[in-house]
PDB file of N, CA and C in Angstrom:
ATOM      1  N   MET A   1      22.657 -48.984 -12.984  1.00  0.00           N
ATOM      2  CA  MET A   1      23.036 -50.264 -13.518  1.00  0.00           C
ATOM      3  C   MET A   1      21.816 -50.923 -14.145  1.00  0.00           C
ATOM      4  N   ARG A   2      22.000 -51.453 -15.323  1.00  0.00           N
ATOM      5  CA  ARG A   2      20.907 -52.108 -16.022  1.00  0.00           C
ATOM      6  C   ARG A   2      20.626 -53.460 -15.363  1.00  0.00           C
ATOM      7  N   ARG A   3      19.366 -53.758 -15.126  1.00  0.00           N
ATOM      8  CA  ARG A   3      18.998 -55.015 -14.478  1.00  0.00           C
ATOM      9  C   ARG A   3      18.201 -55.921 -15.403  1.00  0.00           C
ATOM     10  N   ARG A   4      17.873 -55.462 -16.581  1.00  0.00           N
ATOM     11  CA  ARG A   4      17.131 -56.292 -17.525  1.00  0.00           C
ATOM     12  C   ARG A   4      17.950 -56.441 -18.792  1.00  0.00           C
ATOM     13  N   PRO A   5      17.597 -57.392 -19.644  1.00  0.00           N
ATOM     14  CA  PRO A   5      18.369 -57.578 -20.877  1.00  0.00           C
ATOM     15  C   PRO A   5      18.391 -56.306 -21.720  1.00  0.00           C
ATOM     16  N   ALA A   6      19.452 -56.140 -22.442  1.00  0.00           N
ATOM     17  CA  ALA A   6      19.598 -54.982 -23.325  1.00  0.00           C
ATOM     18  C   ALA A   6      18.580 -55.064 -24.464  1.00  0.00           C
ATOM     19  N   PRO A   7      18.312 -53.933 -25.141  1.00  0.00           N
ATOM     20  CA  PRO A   7      17.344 -53.940 -26.236  1.00  0.00           C
ATOM     21  C   PRO A   7      17.630 -54.978 -27.316  1.00  0.00           C
ATOM     22  N   SER A   8      18.885 -55.326 -27.505  1.00  0.00           N
ATOM     23  CA  SER A   8      19.220 -56.314 -28.536  1.00  0.00           C
ATOM     24  C   SER A   8      18.774 -57.714 -28.136  1.00  0.00           C
ATOM     25  N   GLY A   9      18.432 -57.899 -26.857  1.00  0.00           N
ATOM     26  CA  GLY A   9      17.972 -59.192 -26.395  1.00  0.00           C
ATOM     27  C   GLY A   9      19.053 -60.045 -25.760  1.00  0.00           C
ATOM     28  N   HIS A  10      20.314 -59.567 -25.715  1.00  0.00           N
ATOM     29  CA  HIS A  10      21.304 -60.411 -25.043  1.00  0.00           C
ATOM     30  C   HIS A  10      21.001 -60.437 -23.555  1.00  0.00           C
ATOM     31  N   ASP A  11      21.475 -61.467 -22.888  1.00  0.00           N
ATOM     32  CA  ASP A  11      21.020 -61.762 -21.538  1.00  0.00           C
ATOM     33  C   ASP A  11      21.956 -61.328 -20.425  1.00  0.00           C
ATOM     34  N   MET A  12      22.873 -60.438 -20.658  1.00  0.00           N
ATOM     35  CA  MET A  12      23.826 -60.076 -19.619  1.00  0.00           C
ATOM     36  C   MET A  12      23.475 -58.728 -19.006  1.00  0.00           C
ATOM     37  N   THR A  13      23.433 -58.703 -17.678  1.00  0.00           N
ATOM     38  CA  THR A  13      23.208 -57.453 -16.956  1.00  0.00           C
ATOM     39  C   THR A  13      24.556 -56.826 -16.608  1.00  0.00           C
ATOM     40  N   CYS A  14      24.525 -55.592 -16.174  1.00  0.00           N
ATOM     41  CA  CYS A  14      25.760 -54.919 -15.753  1.00  0.00           C
ATOM     42  C   CYS A  14      26.408 -55.664 -14.590  1.00  0.00           C
ATOM     43  N   ARG A  15      25.608 -56.102 -13.655  1.00  0.00           N
ATOM     44  CA  ARG A  15      26.152 -56.831 -12.493  1.00  0.00           C
ATOM     45  C   ARG A  15      26.897 -58.083 -12.963  1.00  0.00           C
ATOM     46  N   GLN A  16      26.328 -58.799 -13.907  1.00  0.00           N
ATOM     47  CA  GLN A  16      26.984 -59.998 -14.433  1.00  0.00           C
ATOM     48  C   GLN A  16      28.259 -59.636 -15.178  1.00  0.00           C
ATOM     49  N   ALA A  17      28.214 -58.561 -15.954  1.00  0.00           N
ATOM     50  CA  ALA A  17      29.387 -58.144 -16.718  1.00  0.00           C
ATOM     51  C   ALA A  17      30.534 -57.763 -15.783  1.00  0.00           C
ATOM     52  N   VAL A  18      30.229 -56.999 -14.745  1.00  0.00           N
ATOM     53  CA  VAL A  18      31.260 -56.592 -13.793  1.00  0.00           C
ATOM     54  C   VAL A  18      31.902 -57.816 -13.142  1.00  0.00           C
ATOM     55  N   ALA A  19      31.091 -58.820 -12.841  1.00  0.00           N
ATOM     56  CA  ALA A  19      31.610 -60.038 -12.212  1.00  0.00           C
ATOM     57  C   ALA A  19      32.539 -60.813 -13.148  1.00  0.00           C
ATOM     58  N   LEU A  20      32.424 -60.598 -14.456  1.00  0.00           N
ATOM     59  CA  LEU A  20      33.226 -61.348 -15.433  1.00  0.00           C
ATOM     60  C   LEU A  20      34.471 -60.615 -15.920  1.00  0.00           C
ATOM     61  N   VAL A  21      34.666 -59.373 -15.503  1.00  0.00           N
ATOM     62  CA  VAL A  21      35.776 -58.567 -16.030  1.00  0.00           C
ATOM     63  C   VAL A  21      37.119 -59.266 -15.844  1.00  0.00           C
ATOM     64  N   THR A  22      37.414 -59.748 -14.661  1.00  0.00           N
ATOM     65  CA  THR A  22      38.714 -60.376 -14.408  1.00  0.00           C
ATOM     66  C   THR A  22      38.901 -61.623 -15.260  1.00  0.00           C
ATOM     67  N   ASP A  23      37.870 -62.465 -15.310  1.00  0.00           N
ATOM     68  CA  ASP A  23      37.972 -63.666 -16.141  1.00  0.00           C
ATOM     69  C   ASP A  23      38.133 -63.300 -17.615  1.00  0.00           C
ATOM     70  N   TYR A  24      37.460 -62.244 -18.059  1.00  0.00           N
ATOM     71  CA  TYR A  24      37.597 -61.786 -19.444  1.00  0.00           C
ATOM     72  C   TYR A  24      39.043 -61.381 -19.721  1.00  0.00           C
ATOM     73  N   LEU A  25      39.603 -60.576 -18.829  1.00  0.00           N
ATOM     74  CA  LEU A  25      40.981 -60.120 -19.029  1.00  0.00           C
ATOM     75  C   LEU A  25      41.988 -61.266 -18.949  1.00  0.00           C
ATOM     76  N   ASP A  26      41.669 -62.287 -18.161  1.00  0.00           N
ATOM     77  CA  ASP A  26      42.552 -63.450 -18.039  1.00  0.00           C
ATOM     78  C   ASP A  26      42.354 -64.462 -19.163  1.00  0.00           C
ATOM     79  N   GLY A  27      41.364 -64.218 -20.041  1.00  0.00           N
ATOM     80  CA  GLY A  27      41.086 -65.152 -21.122  1.00  0.00           C
ATOM     81  C   GLY A  27      40.447 -66.441 -20.627  1.00  0.00           C
ATOM     82  N   ALA A  28      39.735 -66.368 -19.496  1.00  0.00           N
ATOM     83  CA  ALA A  28      39.172 -67.564 -18.876  1.00  0.00           C
ATOM     84  C   ALA A  28      37.699 -67.800 -19.203  1.00  0.00           C
ATOM     85  N   LEU A  29      37.101 -66.943 -20.024  1.00  0.00           N
ATOM     86  CA  LEU A  29      35.698 -67.131 -20.392  1.00  0.00           C
ATOM     87  C   LEU A  29      35.581 -68.111 -21.548  1.00  0.00           C
ATOM     88  N   THR A  30      34.459 -68.818 -21.608  1.00  0.00           N
ATOM     89  CA  THR A  30      34.186 -69.645 -22.774  1.00  0.00           C
ATOM     90  C   THR A  30      33.934 -68.711 -23.959  1.00  0.00           C
ATOM     91  N   GLY A  31      33.926 -69.238 -25.147  1.00  0.00           N
ATOM     92  CA  GLY A  31      33.644 -68.425 -26.329  1.00  0.00           C
ATOM     93  C   GLY A  31      32.292 -67.745 -26.245  1.00  0.00           C
ATOM     94  N   GLU A  32      31.291 -68.489 -25.763  1.00  0.00           N
ATOM     95  CA  GLU A  32      29.945 -67.928 -25.640  1.00  0.00           C
ATOM     96  C   GLU A  32      29.899 -66.827 -24.578  1.00  0.00           C
ATOM     97  N   GLN A  33      30.557 -67.054 -23.443  1.00  0.00           N
ATOM     98  CA  GLN A  33      30.588 -66.029 -22.397  1.00  0.00           C
ATOM     99  C   GLN A  33      31.284 -64.762 -22.886  1.00  0.00           C
ATOM    100  N   ALA A  34      32.401 -64.931 -23.570  1.00  0.00           N
ATOM    101  CA  ALA A  34      33.146 -63.779 -24.085  1.00  0.00           C
ATOM    102  C   ALA A  34      32.306 -63.012 -25.100  1.00  0.00           C
ATOM    103  N   ALA A  35      31.584 -63.724 -25.953  1.00  0.00           N
ATOM    104  CA  ALA A  35      30.732 -63.062 -26.949  1.00  0.00           C
ATOM    105  C   ALA A  35      29.621 -62.270 -26.273  1.00  0.00           C
ATOM    106  N   LEU A  36      28.986 -62.854 -25.245  1.00  0.00           N
ATOM    107  CA  LEU A  36      27.950 -62.131 -24.505  1.00  0.00           C
ATOM    108  C   LEU A  36      28.528 -60.911 -23.796  1.00  0.00           C
ATOM    109  N   PHE A  37      29.714 -61.077 -23.233  1.00  0.00           N
ATOM    110  CA  PHE A  37      30.381 -59.967 -22.554  1.00  0.00           C
ATOM    111  C   PHE A  37      30.658 -58.832 -23.537  1.00  0.00           C
ATOM    112  N   ARG A  38      31.226 -59.163 -24.687  1.00  0.00           N
ATOM    113  CA  ARG A  38      31.519 -58.133 -25.696  1.00  0.00           C
ATOM    114  C   ARG A  38      30.236 -57.487 -26.221  1.00  0.00           C
ATOM    115  N   ALA A  39      29.168 -58.268 -26.375  1.00  0.00           N
ATOM    116  CA  ALA A  39      27.886 -57.709 -26.817  1.00  0.00           C
ATOM    117  C   ALA A  39      27.361 -56.716 -25.787  1.00  0.00           C
ATOM    118  N   HIS A  40      27.509 -57.044 -24.522  1.00  0.00           N
ATOM    119  CA  HIS A  40      27.082 -56.125 -23.469  1.00  0.00           C
ATOM    120  C   HIS A  40      27.903 -54.840 -23.521  1.00  0.00           C
ATOM    121  N   LEU A  41      29.218 -54.988 -23.669  1.00  0.00           N
ATOM    122  CA  LEU A  41      30.087 -53.804 -23.737  1.00  0.00           C
ATOM    123  C   LEU A  41      29.726 -52.909 -24.914  1.00  0.00           C
ATOM    124  N   ALA A  42      29.337 -53.512 -26.017  1.00  0.00           N
ATOM    125  CA  ALA A  42      28.993 -52.735 -27.207  1.00  0.00           C
ATOM    126  C   ALA A  42      27.803 -51.818 -26.971  1.00  0.00           C
ATOM    127  N   GLU A  43      26.975 -52.165 -25.980  1.00  0.00           N
ATOM    128  CA  GLU A  43      25.771 -51.368 -25.700  1.00  0.00           C
ATOM    129  C   GLU A  43      25.830 -50.620 -24.376  1.00  0.00           C
ATOM    130  N   CYS A  44      26.860 -50.820 -23.588  1.00  0.00           N
ATOM    131  CA  CYS A  44      26.882 -50.249 -22.240  1.00  0.00           C
ATOM    132  C   CYS A  44      28.154 -49.437 -22.005  1.00  0.00           C
ATOM    133  N   PRO A  45      28.067 -48.114 -22.107  1.00  0.00           N
ATOM    134  CA  PRO A  45      29.250 -47.286 -21.888  1.00  0.00           C
ATOM    135  C   PRO A  45      29.774 -47.366 -20.455  1.00  0.00           C
ATOM    136  N   HIS A  46      28.905 -47.649 -19.498  1.00  0.00           N
ATOM    137  CA  HIS A  46      29.334 -47.724 -18.102  1.00  0.00           C
ATOM    138  C   HIS A  46      30.241 -48.930 -17.872  1.00  0.00           C
ATOM    139  N   CYS A  47      29.850 -50.079 -18.387  1.00  0.00           N
ATOM    140  CA  CYS A  47      30.680 -51.277 -18.239  1.00  0.00           C
ATOM    141  C   CYS A  47      31.943 -51.178 -19.085  1.00  0.00           C
ATOM    142  N   THR A  48      31.854 -50.524 -20.228  1.00  0.00           N
ATOM    143  CA  THR A  48      33.035 -50.302 -21.053  1.00  0.00           C
ATOM    144  C   THR A  48      34.045 -49.451 -20.294  1.00  0.00           C
ATOM    145  N   GLU A  49      33.571 -48.420 -19.603  1.00  0.00           N
ATOM    146  CA  GLU A  49      34.444 -47.568 -18.794  1.00  0.00           C
ATOM    147  C   GLU A  49      35.015 -48.354 -17.617  1.00  0.00           C
ATOM    148  N   HIS A  50      34.202 -49.185 -16.991  1.00  0.00           N
ATOM    149  CA  HIS A  50      34.697 -50.007 -15.875  1.00  0.00           C
ATOM    150  C   HIS A  50      35.829 -50.911 -16.355  1.00  0.00           C
ATOM    151  N   LEU A  51      35.644 -51.563 -17.502  1.00  0.00           N
ATOM    152  CA  LEU A  51      36.698 -52.415 -18.056  1.00  0.00           C
ATOM    153  C   LEU A  51      37.968 -51.600 -18.307  1.00  0.00           C
ATOM    154  N   ALA A  52      37.823 -50.409 -18.873  1.00  0.00           N
ATOM    155  CA  ALA A  52      38.982 -49.552 -19.146  1.00  0.00           C
ATOM    156  C   ALA A  52      39.700 -49.171 -17.843  1.00  0.00           C
ATOM    157  N   GLN A  53      38.953 -48.911 -16.788  1.00  0.00           N
ATOM    158  CA  GLN A  53      39.557 -48.565 -15.499  1.00  0.00           C
ATOM    159  C   GLN A  53      40.333 -49.747 -14.925  1.00  0.00           C
ATOM    160  N   ILE A  54      39.778 -50.935 -15.038  1.00  0.00           N
ATOM    161  CA  ILE A  54      40.481 -52.122 -14.549  1.00  0.00           C
ATOM    162  C   ILE A  54      41.752 -52.359 -15.367  1.00  0.00           C
ATOM    163  N   GLN A  55      41.661 -52.195 -16.675  1.00  0.00           N
ATOM    164  CA  GLN A  55      42.847 -52.359 -17.530  1.00  0.00           C
ATOM    165  C   GLN A  55      43.921 -51.336 -17.167  1.00  0.00           C
ATOM    166  N   ALA A  56      43.524 -50.098 -16.897  1.00  0.00           N
ATOM    167  CA  ALA A  56      44.483 -49.063 -16.509  1.00  0.00           C
ATOM    168  C   ALA A  56      45.120 -49.389 -15.165  1.00  0.00           C
ATOM    169  N   THR A  57      44.338 -49.913 -14.249  1.00  0.00           N
ATOM    170  CA  THR A  57      44.869 -50.296 -12.939  1.00  0.00           C
ATOM    171  C   THR A  57      45.890 -51.414 -13.070  1.00  0.00           C
ATOM    172  N   VAL A  58      45.563 -52.417 -13.858  1.00  0.00           N
ATOM    173  CA  VAL A  58      46.492 -53.534 -14.071  1.00  0.00           C
ATOM    174  C   VAL A  58      47.774 -53.024 -14.725  1.00  0.00           C
ATOM    175  N   ALA A  59      47.647 -52.127 -15.686  1.00  0.00           N
ATOM    176  CA  ALA A  59      48.833 -51.582 -16.364  1.00  0.00           C
ATOM    177  C   ALA A  59      49.703 -50.780 -15.390  1.00  0.00           C
ATOM    178  N   ALA A  60      49.068 -50.053 -14.462  1.00  0.00           N
ATOM    179  CA  ALA A  60      49.817 -49.227 -13.526  1.00  0.00           C
ATOM    180  C   ALA A  60      50.429 -50.039 -12.387  1.00  0.00           C
ATOM    181  N   VAL A  61      49.699 -51.030 -11.906  1.00  0.00           N
ATOM    182  CA  VAL A  61      50.115 -51.764 -10.722  1.00  0.00           C
ATOM    183  C   VAL A  61      50.804 -53.076 -11.069  1.00  0.00           C
ATOM    184  N   GLY A  62      50.370 -53.678 -12.138  1.00  0.00           N
ATOM    185  CA  GLY A  62      50.910 -54.973 -12.508  1.00  0.00           C
ATOM    186  C   GLY A  62      50.105 -56.084 -11.873  1.00  0.00           C
ATOM    187  N   TYR A  63      50.640 -57.268 -11.894  1.00  0.00           N
ATOM    188  CA  TYR A  63      49.960 -58.447 -11.385  1.00  0.00           C
ATOM    189  C   TYR A  63      50.508 -58.797 -10.008  1.00  0.00           C
ATOM    190  N   VAL A  64      49.615 -59.045  -9.086  1.00  0.00           N
ATOM    191  CA  VAL A  64      49.999 -59.522  -7.763  1.00  0.00           C
ATOM    192  C   VAL A  64      49.285 -60.847  -7.552  1.00  0.00           C
ATOM    193  N   GLY A  65      50.048 -61.897  -7.409  1.00  0.00           N
ATOM    194  CA  GLY A  65      49.474 -63.213  -7.185  1.00  0.00           C
ATOM    195  C   GLY A  65      49.398 -63.524  -5.702  1.00  0.00           C
ATOM    196  N   ALA A  66      48.624 -64.521  -5.375  1.00  0.00           N
ATOM    197  CA  ALA A  66      48.479 -64.932  -3.975  1.00  0.00           C
ATOM    198  C   ALA A  66      49.832 -65.251  -3.354  1.00  0.00           C
ATOM    199  N   GLU A  67      50.725 -65.826  -4.141  1.00  0.00           N
ATOM    200  CA  GLU A  67      52.045 -66.188  -3.626  1.00  0.00           C
ATOM    201  C   GLU A  67      52.904 -64.968  -3.302  1.00  0.00           C
ATOM    202  N   ASP A  68      52.517 -63.792  -3.816  1.00  0.00           N
ATOM    203  CA  ASP A  68      53.262 -62.562  -3.554  1.00  0.00           C
ATOM    204  C   ASP A  68      52.878 -61.901  -2.230  1.00  0.00           C
ATOM    205  N   LEU A  69      51.805 -62.368  -1.608  1.00  0.00           N
ATOM    206  CA  LEU A  69      51.314 -61.757  -0.376  1.00  0.00           C
ATOM    207  C   LEU A  69      51.805 -62.520   0.838  1.00  0.00           C
ATOM    208  N   ASP A  70      52.134 -61.772   1.889  1.00  0.00           N
ATOM    209  CA  ASP A  70      52.484 -62.461   3.126  1.00  0.00           C
ATOM    210  C   ASP A  70      51.194 -62.921   3.821  1.00  0.00           C
ATOM    211  N   PRO A  71      51.269 -63.874   4.707  1.00  0.00           N
ATOM    212  CA  PRO A  71      50.056 -64.433   5.329  1.00  0.00           C
ATOM    213  C   PRO A  71      49.118 -63.402   5.965  1.00  0.00           C
ATOM    214  N   PRO A  72      49.616 -62.393   6.701  1.00  0.00           N
ATOM    215  CA  PRO A  72      48.672 -61.417   7.264  1.00  0.00           C
ATOM    216  C   PRO A  72      47.921 -60.623   6.183  1.00  0.00           C
ATOM    217  N   ALA A  73      48.600 -60.260   5.110  1.00  0.00           N
ATOM    218  CA  ALA A  73      47.935 -59.533   4.020  1.00  0.00           C
ATOM    219  C   ALA A  73      46.893 -60.420   3.352  1.00  0.00           C
ATOM    220  N   TRP A  74      47.230 -61.684   3.146  1.00  0.00           N
ATOM    221  CA  TRP A  74      46.300 -62.642   2.557  1.00  0.00           C
ATOM    222  C   TRP A  74      45.060 -62.772   3.435  1.00  0.00           C
ATOM    223  N   ALA A  75      45.243 -62.913   4.736  1.00  0.00           N
ATOM    224  CA  ALA A  75      44.121 -63.041   5.671  1.00  0.00           C
ATOM    225  C   ALA A  75      43.253 -61.789   5.659  1.00  0.00           C
ATOM    226  N   ASP A  76      43.874 -60.620   5.596  1.00  0.00           N
ATOM    227  CA  ASP A  76      43.117 -59.360   5.541  1.00  0.00           C
ATOM    228  C   ASP A  76      42.258 -59.293   4.281  1.00  0.00           C
ATOM    229  N   LEU A  77      42.815 -59.699   3.146  1.00  0.00           N
ATOM    230  CA  LEU A  77      42.056 -59.670   1.892  1.00  0.00           C
ATOM    231  C   LEU A  77      40.897 -60.658   1.916  1.00  0.00           C
ATOM    232  N   ILE A  78      41.129 -61.831   2.454  1.00  0.00           N
ATOM    233  CA  ILE A  78      40.061 -62.829   2.555  1.00  0.00           C
ATOM    234  C   ILE A  78      38.945 -62.297   3.454  1.00  0.00           C
ATOM    235  N   ASP A  79      39.308 -61.692   4.582  1.00  0.00           N
ATOM    236  CA  ASP A  79      38.312 -61.127   5.494  1.00  0.00           C
ATOM    237  C   ASP A  79      37.526 -60.018   4.815  1.00  0.00           C
ATOM    238  N   LEU A  80      38.212 -59.143   4.111  1.00  0.00           N
ATOM    239  CA  LEU A  80      37.552 -58.051   3.400  1.00  0.00           C
ATOM    240  C   LEU A  80      36.581 -58.589   2.359  1.00  0.00           C
ATOM    241  N   TYR A  81      37.005 -59.581   1.611  1.00  0.00           N
ATOM    242  CA  TYR A  81      36.147 -60.187   0.597  1.00  0.00           C
ATOM    243  C   TYR A  81      34.908 -60.810   1.237  1.00  0.00           C
ATOM    244  N   ARG A  82      35.086 -61.538   2.317  1.00  0.00           N
ATOM    245  CA  ARG A  82      33.940 -62.172   2.985  1.00  0.00           C
ATOM    246  C   ARG A  82      32.954 -61.130   3.508  1.00  0.00           C
ATOM    247  N   ARG A  83      33.466 -60.045   4.062  1.00  0.00           N
ATOM    248  CA  ARG A  83      32.569 -58.988   4.540  1.00  0.00           C
ATOM    249  C   ARG A  83      31.850 -58.328   3.377  1.00  0.00           C
ATOM    250  N   TRP A  84      32.539 -58.142   2.259  1.00  0.00           N
ATOM    251  CA  TRP A  84      31.915 -57.551   1.067  1.00  0.00           C
ATOM    252  C   TRP A  84      30.798 -58.456   0.559  1.00  0.00           C
ATOM    253  N   ARG A  85      31.071 -59.764   0.478  1.00  0.00           N
ATOM    254  CA  ARG A  85      30.071 -60.711   0.000  1.00  0.00           C
ATOM    255  C   ARG A  85      28.858 -60.765   0.928  1.00  0.00           C
ATOM    256  N   ALA A  86      29.105 -60.573   2.221  1.00  0.00           N
ATOM    257  CA  ALA A  86      28.017 -60.599   3.205  1.00  0.00           C
ATOM    258  C   ALA A  86      27.246 -59.285   3.234  1.00  0.00           C
ATOM    259  N   GLY A  87      27.773 -58.281   2.559  1.00  0.00           N
ATOM    260  CA  GLY A  87      27.090 -56.986   2.507  1.00  0.00           C
ATOM    261  C   GLY A  87      27.310 -56.115   3.723  1.00  0.00           C
ATOM    262  N   THR A  88      28.388 -56.356   4.463  1.00  0.00           N
ATOM    263  CA  THR A  88      28.672 -55.534   5.640  1.00  0.00           C
ATOM    264  C   THR A  88      29.822 -54.600   5.387  1.00  0.00           C
TER     265      THR A  88
END
């Protein structure tokens, strides 16, 4: 994973790009964020592949909203996310 700016000088790392994939697909990025994201993709085949994998997953599985989950499943996902964020 690239940790420094790309040769073109844009300021997005792979870690930042991966964190923005969902917002990008949801159309929730600002114009500037979307432009930086697309600039990163233009130079990074790994992040481009990651985006393609997420798009394929969404196409295969569809959308699941929080309201579609029963309370135990919701609690399990929240716990999993918290453990992931904590690095455990």
